[in-house]
Amino acid sequence: MTMVVVTHEMGFARGAANRVVFMDGGAIVESAEPAEFFGNPKTDRA
């Protein structure tokens, strides 16, 4: 199923999602696979 989820459940995001899109201030700051985003975030904000 194609799904877009807003959640605070980070364990779920890490384990189930194909991609994490990190937003701040109304813009996309970072977009990556969960392992990459949680393990090696690129931006200071993330």
All heavy atoms as atom14 arrays in JSON, in Angstrom:
{
  "sequence": "MTMVVVTHEMGFARGAANRVVFMDGGAIVESAEPAEFFGNPKTDRA",
  "atom14_mask": [
    [1, 1, 1, 1, 1, 1, 1, 1, 0, 0, 0, 0, 0, 0],
    [1, 1, 1, 1, 1, 1, 1, 0, 0, 0, 0, 0, 0, 0],
    [1, 1, 1, 1, 1, 1, 1, 1, 0, 0, 0, 0, 0, 0],
    [1, 1, 1, 1, 1, 1, 1, 0, 0, 0, 0, 0, 0, 0],
    [1, 1, 1, 1, 1, 1, 1, 0, 0, 0, 0, 0, 0, 0],
    [1, 1, 1, 1, 1, 1, 1, 0, 0, 0, 0, 0, 0, 0],
    [1, 1, 1, 1, 1, 1, 1, 0, 0, 0, 0, 0, 0, 0],
    [1, 1, 1, 1, 1, 1, 1, 1, 1, 1, 0, 0, 0, 0],
    [1, 1, 1, 1, 1, 1, 1, 1, 1, 0, 0, 0, 0, 0],
    [1, 1, 1, 1, 1, 1, 1, 1, 0, 0, 0, 0, 0, 0],
    [1, 1, 1, 1, 0, 0, 0, 0, 0, 0, 0, 0, 0, 0],
    [1, 1, 1, 1, 1, 1, 1, 1, 1, 1, 1, 0, 0, 0],
    [1, 1, 1, 1, 1, 0, 0, 0, 0, 0, 0, 0, 0, 0],
    [1, 1, 1, 1, 1, 1, 1, 1, 1, 1, 1, 0, 0, 0],
    [1, 1, 1, 1, 0, 0, 0, 0, 0, 0, 0, 0, 0, 0],
    [1, 1, 1, 1, 1, 0, 0, 0, 0, 0, 0, 0, 0, 0],
    [1, 1, 1, 1, 1, 0, 0, 0, 0, 0, 0, 0, 0, 0],
    [1, 1, 1, 1, 1, 1, 1, 1, 0, 0, 0, 0, 0, 0],
    [1, 1, 1, 1, 1, 1, 1, 1, 1, 1, 1, 0, 0, 0],
    [1, 1, 1, 1, 1, 1, 1, 0, 0, 0, 0, 0, 0, 0],
    [1, 1, 1, 1, 1, 1, 1, 0, 0, 0, 0, 0, 0, 0],
    [1, 1, 1, 1, 1, 1, 1, 1, 1, 1, 1, 0, 0, 0],
    [1, 1, 1, 1, 1, 1, 1, 1, 0, 0, 0, 0, 0, 0],
    [1, 1, 1, 1, 1, 1, 1, 1, 0, 0, 0, 0, 0, 0],
    [1, 1, 1, 1, 0, 0, 0, 0, 0, 0, 0, 0, 0, 0],
    [1, 1, 1, 1, 0, 0, 0, 0, 0, 0, 0, 0, 0, 0],
    [1, 1, 1, 1, 1, 0, 0, 0, 0, 0, 0, 0, 0, 0],
    [1, 1, 1, 1, 1, 1, 1, 1, 0, 0, 0, 0, 0, 0],
    [1, 1, 1, 1, 1, 1, 1, 0, 0, 0, 0, 0, 0, 0],
    [1, 1, 1, 1, 1, 1, 1, 1, 1, 0, 0, 0, 0, 0],
    [1, 1, 1, 1, 1, 1, 0, 0, 0, 0, 0, 0, 0, 0],
    [1, 1, 1, 1, 1, 0, 0, 0, 0, 0, 0, 0, 0, 0],
    [1, 1, 1, 1, 1, 1, 1, 1, 1, 0, 0, 0, 0, 0],
    [1, 1, 1, 1, 1, 1, 1, 0, 0, 0, 0, 0, 0, 0],
    [1, 1, 1, 1, 1, 0, 0, 0, 0, 0, 0, 0, 0, 0],
    [1, 1, 1, 1, 1, 1, 1, 1, 1, 0, 0, 0, 0, 0],
    [1, 1, 1, 1, 1, 1, 1, 1, 1, 1, 1, 0, 0, 0],
    [1, 1, 1, 1, 1, 1, 1, 1, 1, 1, 1, 0, 0, 0],
    [1, 1, 1, 1, 0, 0, 0, 0, 0, 0, 0, 0, 0, 0],
    [1, 1, 1, 1, 1, 1, 1, 1, 0, 0, 0, 0, 0, 0],
    [1, 1, 1, 1, 1, 1, 1, 0, 0, 0, 0, 0, 0, 0],
    [1, 1, 1, 1, 1, 1, 1, 1, 1, 0, 0, 0, 0, 0],
    [1, 1, 1, 1, 1, 1, 1, 0, 0, 0, 0, 0, 0, 0],
    [1, 1, 1, 1, 1, 1, 1, 1, 0, 0, 0, 0, 0, 0],
    [1, 1, 1, 1, 1, 1, 1, 1, 1, 1, 1, 0, 0, 0],
    [1, 1, 1, 1, 1, 0, 0, 0, 0, 0, 0, 0, 0, 0]
  ],
  "atom14_positions": [
    [[0.85, -1.2, 0.0], [0.0, 0.0, 0.0], [0.88, 1.25, 0.0], [1.85, 1.33, 0.76], [-0.89, -0.01, 1.26], [-1.68, 1.27, 1.5], [-2.89, 1.68, 0.23], [-4.18, 0.48, 0.57], [0.0, 0.0, 0.0], [0.0, 0.0, 0.0], [0.0, 0.0, 0.0], [0.0, 0.0, 0.0], [0.0, 0.0, 0.0], [0.0, 0.0, 0.0]],
    [[0.57, 2.21, -0.86], [1.28, 3.49, -0.85], [0.81, 4.27, 0.37], [-0.38, 4.48, 0.55], [0.97, 4.3, -2.14], [1.2, 3.46, -3.28], [1.84, 5.54, -2.24], [0.0, 0.0, 0.0], [0.0, 0.0, 0.0], [0.0, 0.0, 0.0], [0.0, 0.0, 0.0], [0.0, 0.0, 0.0], [0.0, 0.0, 0.0], [0.0, 0.0, 0.0]],
    [[1.76, 4.66, 1.23], [1.4, 5.27, 2.51], [2.28, 6.47, 2.83], [3.48, 6.45, 2.58], [1.54, 4.23, 3.65], [0.54, 3.12, 3.56], [0.97, 1.66, 4.57], [1.07, 2.31, 6.2], [0.0, 0.0, 0.0], [0.0, 0.0, 0.0], [0.0, 0.0, 0.0], [0.0, 0.0, 0.0], [0.0, 0.0, 0.0], [0.0, 0.0, 0.0]],
    [[1.64, 7.5, 3.39], [2.37, 8.66, 3.92], [1.92, 8.82, 5.36], [0.73, 8.96, 5.63], [2.09, 9.95, 3.13], [3.05, 11.05, 3.56], [2.19, 9.73, 1.63], [0.0, 0.0, 0.0], [0.0, 0.0, 0.0], [0.0, 0.0, 0.0], [0.0, 0.0, 0.0], [0.0, 0.0, 0.0], [0.0, 0.0, 0.0], [0.0, 0.0, 0.0]],
    [[2.89, 8.81, 6.26], [2.57, 8.79, 7.69], [3.3, 9.9, 8.43], [4.52, 10.05, 8.28], [2.95, 7.43, 8.32], [2.62, 7.39, 9.8], [2.25, 6.28, 7.6], [0.0, 0.0, 0.0], [0.0, 0.0, 0.0], [0.0, 0.0, 0.0], [0.0, 0.0, 0.0], [0.0, 0.0, 0.0], [0.0, 0.0, 0.0], [0.0, 0.0, 0.0]],
    [[2.55, 10.68, 9.2], [3.15, 11.62, 10.15], [3.12, 10.92, 11.5], [2.04, 10.52, 11.97], [2.35, 12.94, 10.22], [2.86, 13.82, 11.36], [2.45, 13.7, 8.9], [0.0, 0.0, 0.0], [0.0, 0.0, 0.0], [0.0, 0.0, 0.0], [0.0, 0.0, 0.0], [0.0, 0.0, 0.0], [0.0, 0.0, 0.0], [0.0, 0.0, 0.0]],
    [[4.28, 10.74, 12.12], [4.31, 10.02, 13.39], [5.49, 10.45, 14.25], [6.5, 10.94, 13.76], [4.37, 8.49, 13.17], [4.28, 7.81, 14.42], [5.66, 8.07, 12.48], [0.0, 0.0, 0.0], [0.0, 0.0, 0.0], [0.0, 0.0, 0.0], [0.0, 0.0, 0.0], [0.0, 0.0, 0.0], [0.0, 0.0, 0.0], [0.0, 0.0, 0.0]],
    [[5.31, 10.25, 15.57], [6.42, 10.46, 16.52], [7.03, 9.11, 16.92], [7.94, 9.08, 17.75], [5.92, 11.19, 17.77], [5.47, 12.59, 17.47], [6.33, 13.58, 17.07], [4.24, 13.15, 17.49], [5.65, 14.7, 16.86], [4.38, 14.46, 17.11], [0.0, 0.0, 0.0], [0.0, 0.0, 0.0], [0.0, 0.0, 0.0], [0.0, 0.0, 0.0]],
    [[6.5, 8.03, 16.36], [7.0, 6.69, 16.71], [8.24, 6.38, 15.87], [8.15, 5.82, 14.78], [5.9, 5.65, 16.47], [4.64, 5.85, 17.29], [4.87, 5.6, 18.77], [5.78, 4.83, 19.12], [4.14, 6.21, 19.57], [0.0, 0.0, 0.0], [0.0, 0.0, 0.0], [0.0, 0.0, 0.0], [0.0, 0.0, 0.0], [0.0, 0.0, 0.0]],
    [[9.4, 6.76, 16.39], [10.62, 6.65, 15.59], [11.06, 5.21, 15.36], [11.63, 4.89, 14.32], [11.75, 7.46, 16.24], [11.5, 8.95, 16.21], [11.32, 9.61, 14.54], [10.13, 10.9, 14.82], [0.0, 0.0, 0.0], [0.0, 0.0, 0.0], [0.0, 0.0, 0.0], [0.0, 0.0, 0.0], [0.0, 0.0, 0.0], [0.0, 0.0, 0.0]],
    [[10.8, 4.33, 16.32], [11.15, 2.92, 16.13], [10.37, 2.33, 14.96], [10.9, 1.58, 14.14], [0.0, 0.0, 0.0], [0.0, 0.0, 0.0], [0.0, 0.0, 0.0], [0.0, 0.0, 0.0], [0.0, 0.0, 0.0], [0.0, 0.0, 0.0], [0.0, 0.0, 0.0], [0.0, 0.0, 0.0], [0.0, 0.0, 0.0], [0.0, 0.0, 0.0]],
    [[9.11, 2.69, 14.89], [8.24, 2.25, 13.79], [8.73, 2.82, 12.46], [8.83, 2.1, 11.47], [6.81, 2.73, 14.09], [5.85, 2.59, 12.95], [5.47, 1.34, 12.47], [5.29, 3.72, 12.37], [4.58, 1.22, 11.41], [4.39, 3.61, 11.32], [4.03, 2.36, 10.84], [0.0, 0.0, 0.0], [0.0, 0.0, 0.0], [0.0, 0.0, 0.0]],
    [[9.06, 4.11, 12.46], [9.57, 4.75, 11.23], [10.84, 4.05, 10.75], [11.01, 3.77, 9.56], [9.85, 6.23, 11.48], [0.0, 0.0, 0.0], [0.0, 0.0, 0.0], [0.0, 0.0, 0.0], [0.0, 0.0, 0.0], [0.0, 0.0, 0.0], [0.0, 0.0, 0.0], [0.0, 0.0, 0.0], [0.0, 0.0, 0.0], [0.0, 0.0, 0.0]],
    [[11.69, 3.75, 11.7], [12.98, 3.13, 11.37], [12.8, 1.72, 10.81], [13.48, 1.31, 9.88], [13.82, 3.08, 12.66], [15.25, 2.69, 12.46], [15.96, 2.73, 13.81], [17.29, 3.24, 13.69], [17.96, 3.85, 14.66], [17.39, 4.04, 15.83], [19.18, 4.28, 14.48], [0.0, 0.0, 0.0], [0.0, 0.0, 0.0], [0.0, 0.0, 0.0]],
    [[11.84, 0.99, 11.39], [11.67, -0.42, 11.02], [10.78, -0.68, 9.83], [10.94, -1.68, 9.13], [0.0, 0.0, 0.0], [0.0, 0.0, 0.0], [0.0, 0.0, 0.0], [0.0, 0.0, 0.0], [0.0, 0.0, 0.0], [0.0, 0.0, 0.0], [0.0, 0.0, 0.0], [0.0, 0.0, 0.0], [0.0, 0.0, 0.0], [0.0, 0.0, 0.0]],
    [[9.82, 0.21, 9.58], [8.79, -0.1, 8.58], [8.84, 0.76, 7.32], [8.38, 0.34, 6.26], [7.4, 0.01, 9.21], [0.0, 0.0, 0.0], [0.0, 0.0, 0.0], [0.0, 0.0, 0.0], [0.0, 0.0, 0.0], [0.0, 0.0, 0.0], [0.0, 0.0, 0.0], [0.0, 0.0, 0.0], [0.0, 0.0, 0.0], [0.0, 0.0, 0.0]],
    [[9.37, 1.98, 7.41], [9.29, 2.91, 6.28], [10.32, 2.59, 5.19], [11.36, 1.98, 5.46], [9.5, 4.35, 6.76], [0.0, 0.0, 0.0], [0.0, 0.0, 0.0], [0.0, 0.0, 0.0], [0.0, 0.0, 0.0], [0.0, 0.0, 0.0], [0.0, 0.0, 0.0], [0.0, 0.0, 0.0], [0.0, 0.0, 0.0], [0.0, 0.0, 0.0]],
    [[10.02, 3.03, 3.97], [11.0, 2.98, 2.89], [11.86, 4.24, 2.89], [13.01, 4.23, 2.47], [10.33, 2.9, 1.51], [9.47, 1.67, 1.36], [8.26, 1.79, 1.18], [10.05, 0.5, 1.45], [0.0, 0.0, 0.0], [0.0, 0.0, 0.0], [0.0, 0.0, 0.0], [0.0, 0.0, 0.0], [0.0, 0.0, 0.0], [0.0, 0.0, 0.0]],
    [[11.23, 5.35, 3.33], [11.93, 6.64, 3.28], [11.44, 7.53, 4.41], [10.26, 7.52, 4.76], [11.67, 7.31, 1.93], [12.36, 8.65, 1.77], [12.5, 9.06, 0.3], [11.33, 8.84, -0.5], [10.74, 9.79, -1.23], [11.21, 11.03, -1.26], [9.68, 9.51, -1.97], [0.0, 0.0, 0.0], [0.0, 0.0, 0.0], [0.0, 0.0, 0.0]],
    [[12.37, 8.29, 4.97], [12.04, 9.29, 5.99], [12.27, 10.67, 5.37], [13.33, 10.93, 4.81], [12.9, 9.13, 7.25], [12.58, 10.22, 8.27], [12.69, 7.75, 7.88], [0.0, 0.0, 0.0], [0.0, 0.0, 0.0], [0.0, 0.0, 0.0], [0.0, 0.0, 0.0], [0.0, 0.0, 0.0], [0.0, 0.0, 0.0], [0.0, 0.0, 0.0]],
    [[11.25, 11.52, 5.46], [11.37, 12.9, 4.99], [11.31, 13.8, 6.22], [10.32, 13.81, 6.95], [10.23, 13.26, 4.0], [10.27, 14.74, 3.65], [10.35, 12.42, 2.73], [0.0, 0.0, 0.0], [0.0, 0.0, 0.0], [0.0, 0.0, 0.0], [0.0, 0.0, 0.0], [0.0, 0.0, 0.0], [0.0, 0.0, 0.0], [0.0, 0.0, 0.0]],
    [[12.4, 14.5, 6.47], [12.51, 15.37, 7.65], [12.19, 16.81, 7.26], [12.81, 17.37, 6.37], [13.92, 15.28, 8.25], [14.17, 16.26, 9.36], [13.44, 16.22, 10.53], [15.15, 17.24, 9.23], [13.67, 17.14, 11.56], [15.4, 18.16, 10.24], [14.66, 18.1, 11.42], [0.0, 0.0, 0.0], [0.0, 0.0, 0.0], [0.0, 0.0, 0.0]],
    [[11.18, 17.37, 7.92], [10.76, 18.75, 7.63], [11.07, 19.66, 8.8], [11.04, 19.24, 9.96], [9.24, 18.8, 7.36], [8.83, 18.2, 6.03], [7.02, 18.23, 5.82], [6.7, 20.01, 5.77], [0.0, 0.0, 0.0], [0.0, 0.0, 0.0], [0.0, 0.0, 0.0], [0.0, 0.0, 0.0], [0.0, 0.0, 0.0], [0.0, 0.0, 0.0]],
    [[11.34, 20.9, 8.49], [11.48, 21.93, 9.53], [11.16, 23.27, 8.89], [11.58, 23.54, 7.75], [12.9, 21.92, 10.11], [12.99, 22.8, 11.35], [11.97, 22.96, 12.05], [14.08, 23.33, 11.63], [0.0, 0.0, 0.0], [0.0, 0.0, 0.0], [0.0, 0.0, 0.0], [0.0, 0.0, 0.0], [0.0, 0.0, 0.0], [0.0, 0.0, 0.0]],
    [[10.4, 24.09, 9.6], [10.08, 25.42, 9.1], [9.37, 25.43, 7.77], [9.57, 26.32, 6.94], [0.0, 0.0, 0.0], [0.0, 0.0, 0.0], [0.0, 0.0, 0.0], [0.0, 0.0, 0.0], [0.0, 0.0, 0.0], [0.0, 0.0, 0.0], [0.0, 0.0, 0.0], [0.0, 0.0, 0.0], [0.0, 0.0, 0.0], [0.0, 0.0, 0.0]],
    [[8.52, 24.39, 7.52], [7.74, 24.37, 6.29], [8.5, 23.94, 5.05], [8.01, 24.09, 3.93], [0.0, 0.0, 0.0], [0.0, 0.0, 0.0], [0.0, 0.0, 0.0], [0.0, 0.0, 0.0], [0.0, 0.0, 0.0], [0.0, 0.0, 0.0], [0.0, 0.0, 0.0], [0.0, 0.0, 0.0], [0.0, 0.0, 0.0], [0.0, 0.0, 0.0]],
    [[9.7, 23.39, 5.24], [10.5, 22.95, 4.09], [11.08, 21.56, 4.37], [11.17, 21.14, 5.52], [11.64, 23.94, 3.82], [0.0, 0.0, 0.0], [0.0, 0.0, 0.0], [0.0, 0.0, 0.0], [0.0, 0.0, 0.0], [0.0, 0.0, 0.0], [0.0, 0.0, 0.0], [0.0, 0.0, 0.0], [0.0, 0.0, 0.0], [0.0, 0.0, 0.0]],
    [[11.48, 20.86, 3.31], [12.16, 19.58, 3.47], [13.64, 19.84, 3.68], [14.29, 20.47, 2.85], [11.92, 18.67, 2.25], [10.45, 18.26, 2.19], [12.82, 17.44, 2.33], [10.08, 17.44, 0.98], [0.0, 0.0, 0.0], [0.0, 0.0, 0.0], [0.0, 0.0, 0.0], [0.0, 0.0, 0.0], [0.0, 0.0, 0.0], [0.0, 0.0, 0.0]],
    [[14.14, 19.35, 4.8], [15.55, 19.54, 5.13], [16.38, 18.34, 4.67], [17.5, 18.48, 4.22], [15.72, 19.75, 6.66], [17.18, 19.91, 7.04], [14.91, 20.95, 7.13], [0.0, 0.0, 0.0], [0.0, 0.0, 0.0], [0.0, 0.0, 0.0], [0.0, 0.0, 0.0], [0.0, 0.0, 0.0], [0.0, 0.0, 0.0], [0.0, 0.0, 0.0]],
    [[15.78, 17.16, 4.79], [16.52, 15.94, 4.48], [15.55, 14.84, 4.1], [14.44, 14.78, 4.63], [17.31, 15.53, 5.73], [18.54, 14.73, 5.43], [19.51, 14.67, 6.61], [19.74, 15.69, 7.28], [20.02, 13.57, 6.86], [0.0, 0.0, 0.0], [0.0, 0.0, 0.0], [0.0, 0.0, 0.0], [0.0, 0.0, 0.0], [0.0, 0.0, 0.0]],
    [[15.96, 13.97, 3.18], [15.14, 12.84, 2.77], [16.06, 11.66, 2.51], [17.0, 11.77, 1.72], [14.36, 13.21, 1.5], [13.68, 12.1, 0.99], [0.0, 0.0, 0.0], [0.0, 0.0, 0.0], [0.0, 0.0, 0.0], [0.0, 0.0, 0.0], [0.0, 0.0, 0.0], [0.0, 0.0, 0.0], [0.0, 0.0, 0.0], [0.0, 0.0, 0.0]],
    [[15.83, 10.55, 3.21], [16.75, 9.41, 3.09], [16.07, 8.13, 3.54], [15.01, 8.16, 4.16], [17.99, 9.66, 3.95], [0.0, 0.0, 0.0], [0.0, 0.0, 0.0], [0.0, 0.0, 0.0], [0.0, 0.0, 0.0], [0.0, 0.0, 0.0], [0.0, 0.0, 0.0], [0.0, 0.0, 0.0], [0.0, 0.0, 0.0], [0.0, 0.0, 0.0]],
    [[16.71, 7.01, 3.22], [16.23, 5.73, 3.76], [16.4, 5.76, 5.28], [17.31, 6.42, 5.79], [17.04, 4.57, 3.16], [16.71, 4.31, 1.71], [17.44, 3.1, 1.16], [18.15, 2.42, 1.94], [17.3, 2.86, -0.05], [0.0, 0.0, 0.0], [0.0, 0.0, 0.0], [0.0, 0.0, 0.0], [0.0, 0.0, 0.0], [0.0, 0.0, 0.0]],
    [[15.53, 5.03, 6.02], [15.58, 5.1, 7.49], [16.95, 4.82, 8.09], [17.4, 5.56, 8.97], [14.56, 4.04, 7.92], [13.62, 3.94, 6.78], [14.42, 4.19, 5.56], [0.0, 0.0, 0.0], [0.0, 0.0, 0.0], [0.0, 0.0, 0.0], [0.0, 0.0, 0.0], [0.0, 0.0, 0.0], [0.0, 0.0, 0.0], [0.0, 0.0, 0.0]],
    [[17.64, 3.78, 7.61], [18.94, 3.44, 8.2], [19.92, 4.6, 8.04], [20.69, 4.93, 8.95], [19.5, 2.18, 7.53], [0.0, 0.0, 0.0], [0.0, 0.0, 0.0], [0.0, 0.0, 0.0], [0.0, 0.0, 0.0], [0.0, 0.0, 0.0], [0.0, 0.0, 0.0], [0.0, 0.0, 0.0], [0.0, 0.0, 0.0], [0.0, 0.0, 0.0]],
    [[19.84, 5.25, 6.89], [20.73, 6.39, 6.61], [20.35, 7.6, 7.46], [21.19, 8.25, 8.07], [20.61, 6.73, 5.11], [21.45, 7.89, 4.64], [22.93, 7.55, 4.49], [23.29, 6.35, 4.58], [23.72, 8.49, 4.3], [0.0, 0.0, 0.0], [0.0, 0.0, 0.0], [0.0, 0.0, 0.0], [0.0, 0.0, 0.0], [0.0, 0.0, 0.0]],
    [[19.05, 7.89, 7.51], [18.59, 9.08, 8.25], [18.88, 8.95, 9.74], [19.41, 9.87, 10.37], [17.09, 9.31, 8.02], [16.55, 10.48, 8.82], [16.84, 11.78, 8.45], [15.79, 10.26, 9.96], [16.37, 12.86, 9.2], [15.31, 11.33, 10.72], [15.61, 12.63, 10.34], [0.0, 0.0, 0.0], [0.0, 0.0, 0.0], [0.0, 0.0, 0.0]],
    [[18.54, 7.81, 10.31], [18.74, 7.65, 11.76], [20.2, 7.39, 12.12], [20.66, 7.78, 13.18], [17.85, 6.52, 12.3], [16.39, 6.87, 12.34], [15.51, 6.35, 11.42], [15.9, 7.76, 13.3], [14.16, 6.69, 11.44], [14.56, 8.1, 13.33], [13.69, 7.57, 12.4], [0.0, 0.0, 0.0], [0.0, 0.0, 0.0], [0.0, 0.0, 0.0]],
    [[20.91, 6.71, 11.21], [22.29, 6.35, 11.51], [23.31, 7.4, 11.11], [24.39, 7.5, 11.72], [0.0, 0.0, 0.0], [0.0, 0.0, 0.0], [0.0, 0.0, 0.0], [0.0, 0.0, 0.0], [0.0, 0.0, 0.0], [0.0, 0.0, 0.0], [0.0, 0.0, 0.0], [0.0, 0.0, 0.0], [0.0, 0.0, 0.0], [0.0, 0.0, 0.0]],
    [[22.98, 8.18, 10.09], [23.97, 9.11, 9.55], [23.3, 10.36, 8.97], [23.41, 10.64, 7.77], [24.8, 8.38, 8.47], [25.96, 9.21, 8.0], [26.44, 10.09, 8.7], [26.42, 8.95, 6.77], [0.0, 0.0, 0.0], [0.0, 0.0, 0.0], [0.0, 0.0, 0.0], [0.0, 0.0, 0.0], [0.0, 0.0, 0.0], [0.0, 0.0, 0.0]],
    [[22.57, 11.13, 9.82], [21.9, 12.32, 9.3], [22.91, 13.31, 8.73], [23.99, 13.48, 9.27], [21.17, 12.89, 10.53], [21.88, 12.32, 11.71], [22.43, 11.0, 11.28], [0.0, 0.0, 0.0], [0.0, 0.0, 0.0], [0.0, 0.0, 0.0], [0.0, 0.0, 0.0], [0.0, 0.0, 0.0], [0.0, 0.0, 0.0], [0.0, 0.0, 0.0]],
    [[22.52, 13.96, 7.64], [23.46, 14.83, 6.93], [23.5, 16.27, 7.47], [24.52, 16.93, 7.4], [23.08, 14.9, 5.43], [23.16, 13.56, 4.72], [24.6, 13.2, 4.4], [24.7, 11.9, 3.63], [24.49, 10.7, 4.41], [0.0, 0.0, 0.0], [0.0, 0.0, 0.0], [0.0, 0.0, 0.0], [0.0, 0.0, 0.0], [0.0, 0.0, 0.0]],
    [[22.35, 16.75, 7.94], [22.27, 18.16, 8.32], [22.35, 18.33, 9.84], [21.94, 17.45, 10.6], [20.94, 18.78, 7.84], [19.86, 18.06, 8.44], [20.81, 18.73, 6.33], [0.0, 0.0, 0.0], [0.0, 0.0, 0.0], [0.0, 0.0, 0.0], [0.0, 0.0, 0.0], [0.0, 0.0, 0.0], [0.0, 0.0, 0.0], [0.0, 0.0, 0.0]],
    [[22.85, 19.46, 10.26], [22.91, 19.75, 11.7], [21.51, 19.78, 12.3], [21.3, 19.37, 13.43], [23.59, 21.11, 11.94], [25.09, 21.04, 11.66], [25.63, 19.91, 11.62], [25.72, 22.1, 11.45], [0.0, 0.0, 0.0], [0.0, 0.0, 0.0], [0.0, 0.0, 0.0], [0.0, 0.0, 0.0], [0.0, 0.0, 0.0], [0.0, 0.0, 0.0]],
    [[20.56, 20.28, 11.51], [19.19, 20.39, 12.02], [18.61, 19.0, 12.31], [17.96, 18.78, 13.34], [18.32, 21.12, 10.97], [16.91, 21.45, 11.44], [16.9, 22.45, 12.6], [15.63, 22.45, 13.3], [15.33, 21.69, 14.33], [16.2, 20.82, 14.81], [14.16, 21.77, 14.91], [0.0, 0.0, 0.0], [0.0, 0.0, 0.0], [0.0, 0.0, 0.0]],
    [[18.86, 18.05, 11.43], [18.38, 16.68, 11.64], [19.11, 16.03, 12.82], [18.5, 15.35, 13.65], [18.57, 15.84, 10.38], [0.0, 0.0, 0.0], [0.0, 0.0, 0.0], [0.0, 0.0, 0.0], [0.0, 0.0, 0.0], [0.0, 0.0, 0.0], [0.0, 0.0, 0.0], [0.0, 0.0, 0.0], [0.0, 0.0, 0.0], [0.0, 0.0, 0.0]]
  ]
}
